[in-house]
Amino acid sequence: MNVGIIGAGFIGAKRAEVIMKFKKDRIVSIFDTDLVRSTALAQKVGCAIAKSSTDIFKDKNIEAVIIATVSNVSAPLCLEAIRYKKNILCEKPLGINYLEAKKIYTYAQKNKVMLKVGFNHRFHLAVRKAHDLVAKGAIGELMYMRAVYGHGGRKGYDLEWRMNEKFSGGGELLDQGVHILDLFRWFLGEFKEGMAFCENMFWDKSKLDDNAFCTLRTFDGKVAQMHVSATQWKNRFMIDIFGKRGYINIEGKGGSYGRETLKIGRRKELGTRPAEQDFFYDRDTSWEEEWKNFRSSIAKKIQPNGNGFDGMMANKLIAGLYSSSKNKKIINF
């Protein structure tokens, strides 16, 4: 597959590195508004430097584009890519809000373009293992989930683009929360209602939320709770999944978040200690597995895991939770 990349920052470079591992795929050209970055990445992968994003879209040899840009420009880039019939992998979030995501999704459907959102957390080995176990009924009917996802921040974090609403569209709820909300939907289904407290507690040079505390309930009564934070100080990723016959705990996701582990506990009877089994994963293969899924979906003409609809619905939940926090009430999604 011939690929064009728009955005040569950290994530664009990570995507390029993954594609280079697939001998049958080729990066044709790269564009970034920062010529130094695009030149460095293009030299590393051995491809052309495009003069503009439109040059990538107009290139008839390019079959798919990766959009790894600041969030506020992802929507117009996606729409232009669809107009040129390019398959798209757009980094999360899909646009900066629900309305943008809905417009992108609708246009992609109309033009029969493959649209995938960069929800690589679905492809972490522990998360995939958990999803398989749940699907097989290993812990019984699900009741609830809870999650913590936070990073330590860094000097000047509140001055970065992620904490500037003009560029990001929202704070920590949108930045890291979108991943957790996507996983909640993947495990539990659609949500009916929710409430949130989205607070600016520390990074006071930004008005955006650096902590978000959220509770959601599905149409059939399952509950999900999460805390996403830019004041975790030590990076953490944790998900608990509780069923009527047991539980699954996921901790870490590699790197600064610690070793990726999964623990499953199976309850024999009330009042007895569950039988536990541990799994350990020493390498983050989520980016490679997500790329495999994207290219396979294009070849087989089937929807990818973490598609445009998923991106749109995650943004819908975020819009509702921000509204809940602002209006101090439970929101019906």
Protein backbone atom coordinates (compact mmCIF):
# COMPACT_ATOMS: atom_id res chain seq x y z
CA MET A 1 0.00 0.00 0.00
CA ASN A 2 1.31 3.46 -0.89
CA VAL A 3 0.94 5.90 1.98
CA GLY A 4 1.18 9.65 2.55
CA ILE A 5 1.75 11.14 6.00
CA ILE A 6 0.58 14.58 7.11
CA GLY A 7 2.24 15.61 10.34
CA ALA A 8 5.86 14.70 11.06
CA GLY A 9 5.79 15.07 14.83
CA PHE A 10 6.14 12.33 17.43
CA ILE A 11 3.07 10.33 16.36
CA GLY A 12 3.65 10.81 12.62
CA ALA A 13 7.18 9.52 13.09
CA LYS A 14 5.92 6.55 15.10
CA ARG A 15 3.46 5.66 12.34
CA ALA A 16 6.23 5.95 9.74
CA GLU A 17 8.47 3.64 11.76
CA VAL A 18 5.72 1.01 11.88
CA ILE A 19 5.00 1.20 8.14
CA MET A 20 8.67 0.69 7.37
CA LYS A 21 8.44 -2.72 9.06
CA PHE A 22 5.87 -3.86 6.49
CA LYS A 23 7.92 -4.62 3.39
CA LYS A 24 4.88 -4.44 1.09
CA ASP A 25 3.94 -0.92 2.22
CA ARG A 26 5.70 2.26 1.11
CA ILE A 27 5.65 5.85 2.31
CA VAL A 28 5.47 7.98 -0.82
CA SER A 29 5.62 11.47 0.70
CA ILE A 30 5.37 13.44 3.92
CA PHE A 31 4.11 16.94 4.64
CA ASP A 32 4.47 19.08 7.74
CA THR A 33 4.19 22.84 8.14
CA ASP A 34 7.58 22.58 9.87
CA LEU A 35 9.98 21.92 6.98
CA VAL A 36 12.77 20.86 9.34
CA ARG A 37 10.62 18.08 10.80
CA SER A 38 9.28 16.87 7.46
CA THR A 39 12.79 16.87 5.97
CA ALA A 40 14.22 14.86 8.87
CA LEU A 41 11.47 12.24 8.74
CA ALA A 42 11.50 12.02 4.93
CA GLN A 43 15.26 11.40 4.97
CA LYS A 44 14.84 8.73 7.62
CA VAL A 45 12.22 6.77 5.66
CA GLY A 46 13.52 7.59 2.19
CA CYS A 47 10.52 9.37 0.69
CA ALA A 48 9.61 12.69 -0.95
CA ILE A 49 8.74 15.91 0.85
CA ALA A 50 5.38 17.24 -0.26
CA LYS A 51 4.94 20.98 -0.66
CA SER A 52 1.42 20.84 0.77
CA SER A 53 -1.19 18.42 2.08
CA THR A 54 -3.12 18.90 -1.16
CA ASP A 55 -0.14 17.57 -3.11
CA ILE A 56 -0.44 14.35 -1.11
CA PHE A 57 -4.18 14.11 -1.74
CA LYS A 58 -3.73 14.75 -5.49
CA ASP A 59 -1.08 12.04 -5.86
CA LYS A 60 -2.92 9.19 -7.58
CA ASN A 61 -0.28 6.70 -6.43
CA ILE A 62 -1.20 7.24 -2.79
CA GLU A 63 -3.95 4.95 -1.53
CA ALA A 64 -4.07 5.92 2.15
CA VAL A 65 -3.14 8.91 4.28
CA ILE A 66 -2.23 9.23 7.93
CA ILE A 67 -3.32 12.49 9.53
CA ALA A 68 -1.18 13.10 12.62
CA THR A 69 -1.62 16.81 13.19
CA VAL A 70 -2.76 19.25 15.84
CA SER A 71 -6.45 18.48 16.44
CA ASN A 72 -7.99 21.69 15.09
CA VAL A 73 -6.80 21.01 11.52
CA SER A 74 -7.65 17.30 11.37
CA ALA A 75 -11.26 17.83 10.29
CA PRO A 76 -10.57 19.94 7.16
CA LEU A 77 -7.74 17.58 6.23
CA CYS A 78 -10.00 14.54 6.59
CA LEU A 79 -12.70 16.15 4.46
CA GLU A 80 -10.20 17.03 1.75
CA ALA A 81 -8.76 13.51 1.81
CA ILE A 82 -12.26 12.05 1.41
CA ARG A 83 -12.91 14.34 -1.55
CA TYR A 84 -9.86 12.79 -3.23
CA LYS A 85 -11.05 9.26 -2.30
CA LYS A 86 -8.14 8.51 0.03
CA ASN A 87 -8.48 5.97 2.84
CA ILE A 88 -7.73 7.65 6.17
CA LEU A 89 -6.15 6.86 9.51
CA CYS A 90 -6.76 9.98 11.59
CA GLU A 91 -5.21 10.25 15.03
CA LYS A 92 -7.62 10.72 17.90
CA PRO A 93 -9.77 12.67 18.45
CA LEU A 94 -11.70 12.71 15.17
CA GLY A 95 -11.90 16.50 14.88
CA ILE A 96 -12.16 18.70 17.95
CA ASN A 97 -15.82 17.99 18.75
CA TYR A 98 -18.84 15.84 17.98
CA LEU A 99 -20.14 17.98 15.12
CA GLU A 100 -16.82 17.81 13.28
CA ALA A 101 -16.59 14.06 13.81
CA LYS A 102 -20.14 13.55 12.56
CA LYS A 103 -19.42 15.58 9.42
CA ILE A 104 -16.26 13.55 8.69
CA TYR A 105 -17.98 10.21 9.32
CA THR A 106 -21.02 11.07 7.20
CA TYR A 107 -18.88 12.30 4.30
CA ALA A 108 -16.68 9.19 4.44
CA GLN A 109 -19.73 6.92 4.38
CA LYS A 110 -21.21 8.80 1.43
CA ASN A 111 -17.99 8.51 -0.55
CA LYS A 112 -17.24 4.91 0.52
CA VAL A 113 -13.86 5.83 1.97
CA MET A 114 -12.28 3.74 4.74
CA LEU A 115 -12.02 5.86 7.86
CA LYS A 116 -10.09 4.70 10.92
CA VAL A 117 -9.39 6.62 14.12
CA GLY A 118 -6.09 6.15 15.97
CA PHE A 119 -7.44 4.19 18.92
CA ASN A 120 -4.29 2.13 19.38
CA HIS A 121 -5.25 1.27 22.97
CA ARG A 122 -7.68 -1.31 21.54
CA PHE A 123 -4.63 -3.15 20.24
CA HIS A 124 -2.58 -3.37 23.42
CA LEU A 125 -2.11 -7.06 24.14
CA ALA A 126 -3.64 -6.91 27.62
CA VAL A 127 -6.68 -5.00 26.37
CA ARG A 128 -7.20 -7.42 23.46
CA LYS A 129 -6.79 -10.38 25.82
CA ALA A 130 -9.36 -8.86 28.18
CA HIS A 131 -11.82 -8.30 25.35
CA ASP A 132 -11.41 -11.91 24.19
CA LEU A 133 -11.93 -13.22 27.73
CA VAL A 134 -15.07 -11.12 28.21
CA ALA A 135 -16.45 -12.26 24.83
CA LYS A 136 -15.93 -15.89 25.87
CA GLY A 137 -17.82 -15.32 29.14
CA ALA A 138 -14.75 -15.90 31.33
CA ILE A 139 -15.99 -13.52 34.06
CA GLY A 140 -19.70 -13.78 33.36
CA GLU A 141 -22.08 -10.99 32.51
CA LEU A 142 -20.40 -7.59 32.89
CA MET A 143 -21.59 -5.24 35.62
CA TYR A 144 -19.21 -2.28 35.64
CA MET A 145 -15.80 -0.90 34.71
CA ARG A 146 -13.50 1.69 36.23
CA ALA A 147 -10.35 3.28 34.91
CA VAL A 148 -7.52 5.66 35.77
CA TYR A 149 -5.40 7.23 33.06
CA GLY A 150 -2.99 9.99 33.88
CA HIS A 151 0.41 11.45 33.17
CA GLY A 152 2.86 13.47 35.18
CA GLY A 153 2.85 16.63 33.14
CA ARG A 154 6.04 18.57 32.48
CA LYS A 155 7.33 22.09 32.87
CA GLY A 156 5.25 24.46 30.75
CA TYR A 157 2.62 21.82 29.99
CA ASP A 158 -0.18 24.40 30.39
CA LEU A 159 1.38 26.44 27.56
CA GLU A 160 1.42 23.55 25.07
CA TRP A 161 -1.13 23.19 22.28
CA ARG A 162 -2.98 20.39 24.09
CA MET A 163 -3.99 22.85 26.80
CA ASN A 164 -5.05 25.54 24.32
CA GLU A 165 -8.71 25.13 23.34
CA LYS A 166 -8.14 26.81 19.96
CA PHE A 167 -5.88 23.96 18.90
CA SER A 168 -7.09 21.01 20.99
CA GLY A 169 -10.82 21.55 21.42
CA GLY A 170 -10.70 20.47 25.06
CA GLY A 171 -8.55 19.46 28.00
CA GLU A 172 -7.62 16.16 29.61
CA LEU A 173 -11.07 14.65 29.06
CA LEU A 174 -10.57 14.99 25.31
CA ASP A 175 -6.84 14.20 25.26
CA GLN A 176 -6.60 10.98 27.27
CA GLY A 177 -10.24 10.53 28.19
CA VAL A 178 -11.20 9.79 24.59
CA HIS A 179 -9.16 6.56 24.74
CA ILE A 180 -10.90 5.36 27.90
CA LEU A 181 -14.36 6.27 26.64
CA ASP A 182 -13.65 4.37 23.44
CA LEU A 183 -12.67 1.30 25.47
CA PHE A 184 -15.75 1.64 27.66
CA ARG A 185 -17.93 1.56 24.54
CA TRP A 186 -15.99 -1.39 23.11
CA PHE A 187 -16.60 -3.47 26.24
CA LEU A 188 -19.99 -2.25 27.48
CA GLY A 189 -21.88 -0.86 24.48
CA GLU A 190 -23.68 2.45 24.12
CA PHE A 191 -24.29 4.79 27.04
CA LYS A 192 -27.59 6.41 27.93
CA GLU A 193 -26.55 8.98 30.55
CA GLY A 194 -23.59 10.37 32.43
CA MET A 195 -22.17 13.06 34.61
CA ALA A 196 -18.77 14.66 35.01
CA PHE A 197 -16.68 17.08 37.03
CA CYS A 198 -14.09 18.59 34.67
CA GLU A 199 -11.74 20.70 36.76
CA ASN A 200 -8.70 22.92 36.31
CA MET A 201 -6.80 22.10 39.49
CA PHE A 202 -3.15 22.83 38.80
CA TRP A 203 -2.16 24.01 35.30
CA ASP A 204 -3.59 27.46 35.91
CA LYS A 205 -2.20 29.20 32.82
CA SER A 206 -4.75 27.17 30.86
CA LYS A 207 -8.49 27.35 31.47
CA LEU A 208 -8.99 23.78 30.30
CA ASP A 209 -9.60 20.76 32.52
CA ASP A 210 -6.50 19.02 33.81
CA ASN A 211 -8.63 16.47 35.68
CA ALA A 212 -11.95 14.89 34.74
CA PHE A 213 -14.02 12.60 36.96
CA CYS A 214 -16.81 10.86 35.05
CA THR A 215 -19.57 8.30 35.62
CA LEU A 216 -21.63 6.83 32.78
CA ARG A 217 -24.46 4.29 32.57
CA THR A 218 -25.48 2.14 29.60
CA PHE A 219 -29.04 1.55 28.40
CA ASP A 220 -29.04 -1.83 30.17
CA GLY A 221 -27.71 -0.52 33.48
CA LYS A 222 -23.97 -1.18 33.30
CA VAL A 223 -21.84 1.54 34.90
CA ALA A 224 -18.40 2.92 33.98
CA GLN A 225 -16.28 5.32 36.02
CA MET A 226 -13.04 7.03 35.06
CA HIS A 227 -10.56 9.59 36.27
CA VAL A 228 -8.23 11.08 33.67
CA SER A 229 -5.54 13.38 34.94
CA ALA A 230 -2.67 15.65 33.96
CA THR A 231 -1.57 15.70 37.62
CA GLN A 232 -0.94 11.99 38.13
CA TRP A 233 2.75 12.90 38.63
CA LYS A 234 3.80 9.32 37.88
CA ASN A 235 2.19 8.02 34.66
CA ARG A 236 -0.52 5.45 35.22
CA PHE A 237 -2.91 3.35 33.12
CA MET A 238 -5.37 1.08 34.93
CA ILE A 239 -8.64 -0.59 33.96
CA ASP A 240 -10.84 -2.87 36.10
CA ILE A 241 -13.59 -4.95 34.51
CA PHE A 242 -16.07 -6.68 36.81
CA GLY A 243 -18.40 -9.48 35.84
CA LYS A 244 -20.80 -11.57 37.92
CA ARG A 245 -18.33 -14.47 38.05
CA GLY A 246 -15.01 -12.68 38.24
CA TYR A 247 -12.87 -9.71 37.31
CA ILE A 248 -10.04 -8.54 35.07
CA ASN A 249 -7.43 -5.96 36.01
CA ILE A 250 -5.13 -4.28 33.48
CA GLU A 251 -2.14 -2.27 34.70
CA GLY A 252 0.46 -0.40 32.65
CA LYS A 253 0.97 -0.14 28.92
CA GLY A 254 4.73 -0.19 28.62
CA GLY A 255 7.34 2.53 28.79
CA SER A 256 6.81 5.16 31.47
CA TYR A 257 3.42 3.62 32.30
CA GLY A 258 5.05 0.44 33.58
CA ARG A 259 4.98 -3.17 32.48
CA GLU A 260 1.73 -4.19 30.81
CA THR A 261 -0.05 -6.83 32.89
CA LEU A 262 -3.42 -8.55 33.03
CA LYS A 263 -4.86 -10.38 36.02
CA ILE A 264 -8.04 -12.43 35.80
CA GLY A 265 -9.82 -13.58 38.94
CA ARG A 266 -12.52 -16.24 38.71
CA ARG A 267 -14.96 -16.44 41.59
CA LYS A 268 -15.86 -19.99 42.68
CA GLU A 269 -18.47 -19.10 45.28
CA LEU A 270 -19.29 -16.20 47.56
CA GLY A 271 -16.95 -15.78 50.48
CA THR A 272 -14.04 -17.68 48.95
CA ARG A 273 -10.88 -16.23 47.47
CA PRO A 274 -11.02 -16.10 43.65
CA ALA A 275 -8.57 -18.16 41.62
CA GLU A 276 -6.23 -15.68 39.92
CA GLN A 277 -4.09 -15.94 36.79
CA ASP A 278 -1.52 -13.39 35.64
CA PHE A 279 -0.33 -12.45 32.17
CA PHE A 280 2.67 -10.22 31.38
CA TYR A 281 3.50 -8.36 28.17
CA ASP A 282 6.97 -6.92 27.69
CA ARG A 283 6.56 -5.16 24.35
CA ASP A 284 4.03 -2.63 23.07
CA THR A 285 2.84 -4.00 19.72
CA SER A 286 -0.32 -1.88 19.58
CA TRP A 287 0.91 0.38 16.78
CA GLU A 288 1.92 -2.54 14.55
CA GLU A 289 -1.33 -4.41 15.23
CA GLU A 290 -3.41 -1.32 14.52
CA TRP A 291 -1.66 -0.82 11.17
CA LYS A 292 -2.27 -4.49 10.28
CA ASN A 293 -5.95 -4.01 11.06
CA PHE A 294 -6.18 -0.86 8.93
CA ARG A 295 -4.49 -2.34 5.86
CA SER A 296 -6.43 -5.61 6.21
CA SER A 297 -9.73 -3.70 6.45
CA ILE A 298 -8.93 -1.85 3.22
CA ALA A 299 -8.00 -5.08 1.43
CA LYS A 300 -11.10 -6.96 2.64
CA LYS A 301 -13.40 -3.93 2.43
CA ILE A 302 -14.61 -4.35 6.02
CA GLN A 303 -14.81 -1.81 8.83
CA PRO A 304 -11.63 -1.50 10.94
CA ASN A 305 -11.49 -1.94 14.69
CA GLY A 306 -11.91 1.64 15.91
CA ASN A 307 -13.63 3.12 12.88
CA GLY A 308 -15.13 6.50 12.06
CA PHE A 309 -18.37 5.69 13.86
CA ASP A 310 -16.40 4.87 17.02
CA GLY A 311 -14.56 8.17 16.74
CA MET A 312 -17.81 10.05 16.31
CA MET A 313 -19.50 8.35 19.28
CA ALA A 314 -16.52 8.91 21.57
CA ASN A 315 -16.71 12.63 20.74
CA LYS A 316 -20.45 12.57 21.43
CA LEU A 317 -19.81 11.23 24.93
CA ILE A 318 -17.16 13.90 25.51
CA ALA A 319 -19.54 16.66 24.41
CA GLY A 320 -22.17 15.36 26.83
CA LEU A 321 -19.73 15.07 29.72
CA TYR A 322 -18.43 18.61 29.20
CA SER A 323 -22.04 19.79 29.17
CA SER A 324 -22.72 17.88 32.38
CA SER A 325 -19.79 19.52 34.11
CA LYS A 326 -20.73 22.98 32.90
CA ASN A 327 -24.41 22.69 33.80
CA LYS A 328 -23.88 20.60 36.96
CA LYS A 329 -26.40 17.90 36.06
CA ILE A 330 -26.72 14.39 34.66
CA ILE A 331 -26.80 14.42 30.86
CA ASN A 332 -28.84 12.14 28.59
CA PHE A 333 -26.50 11.41 25.68
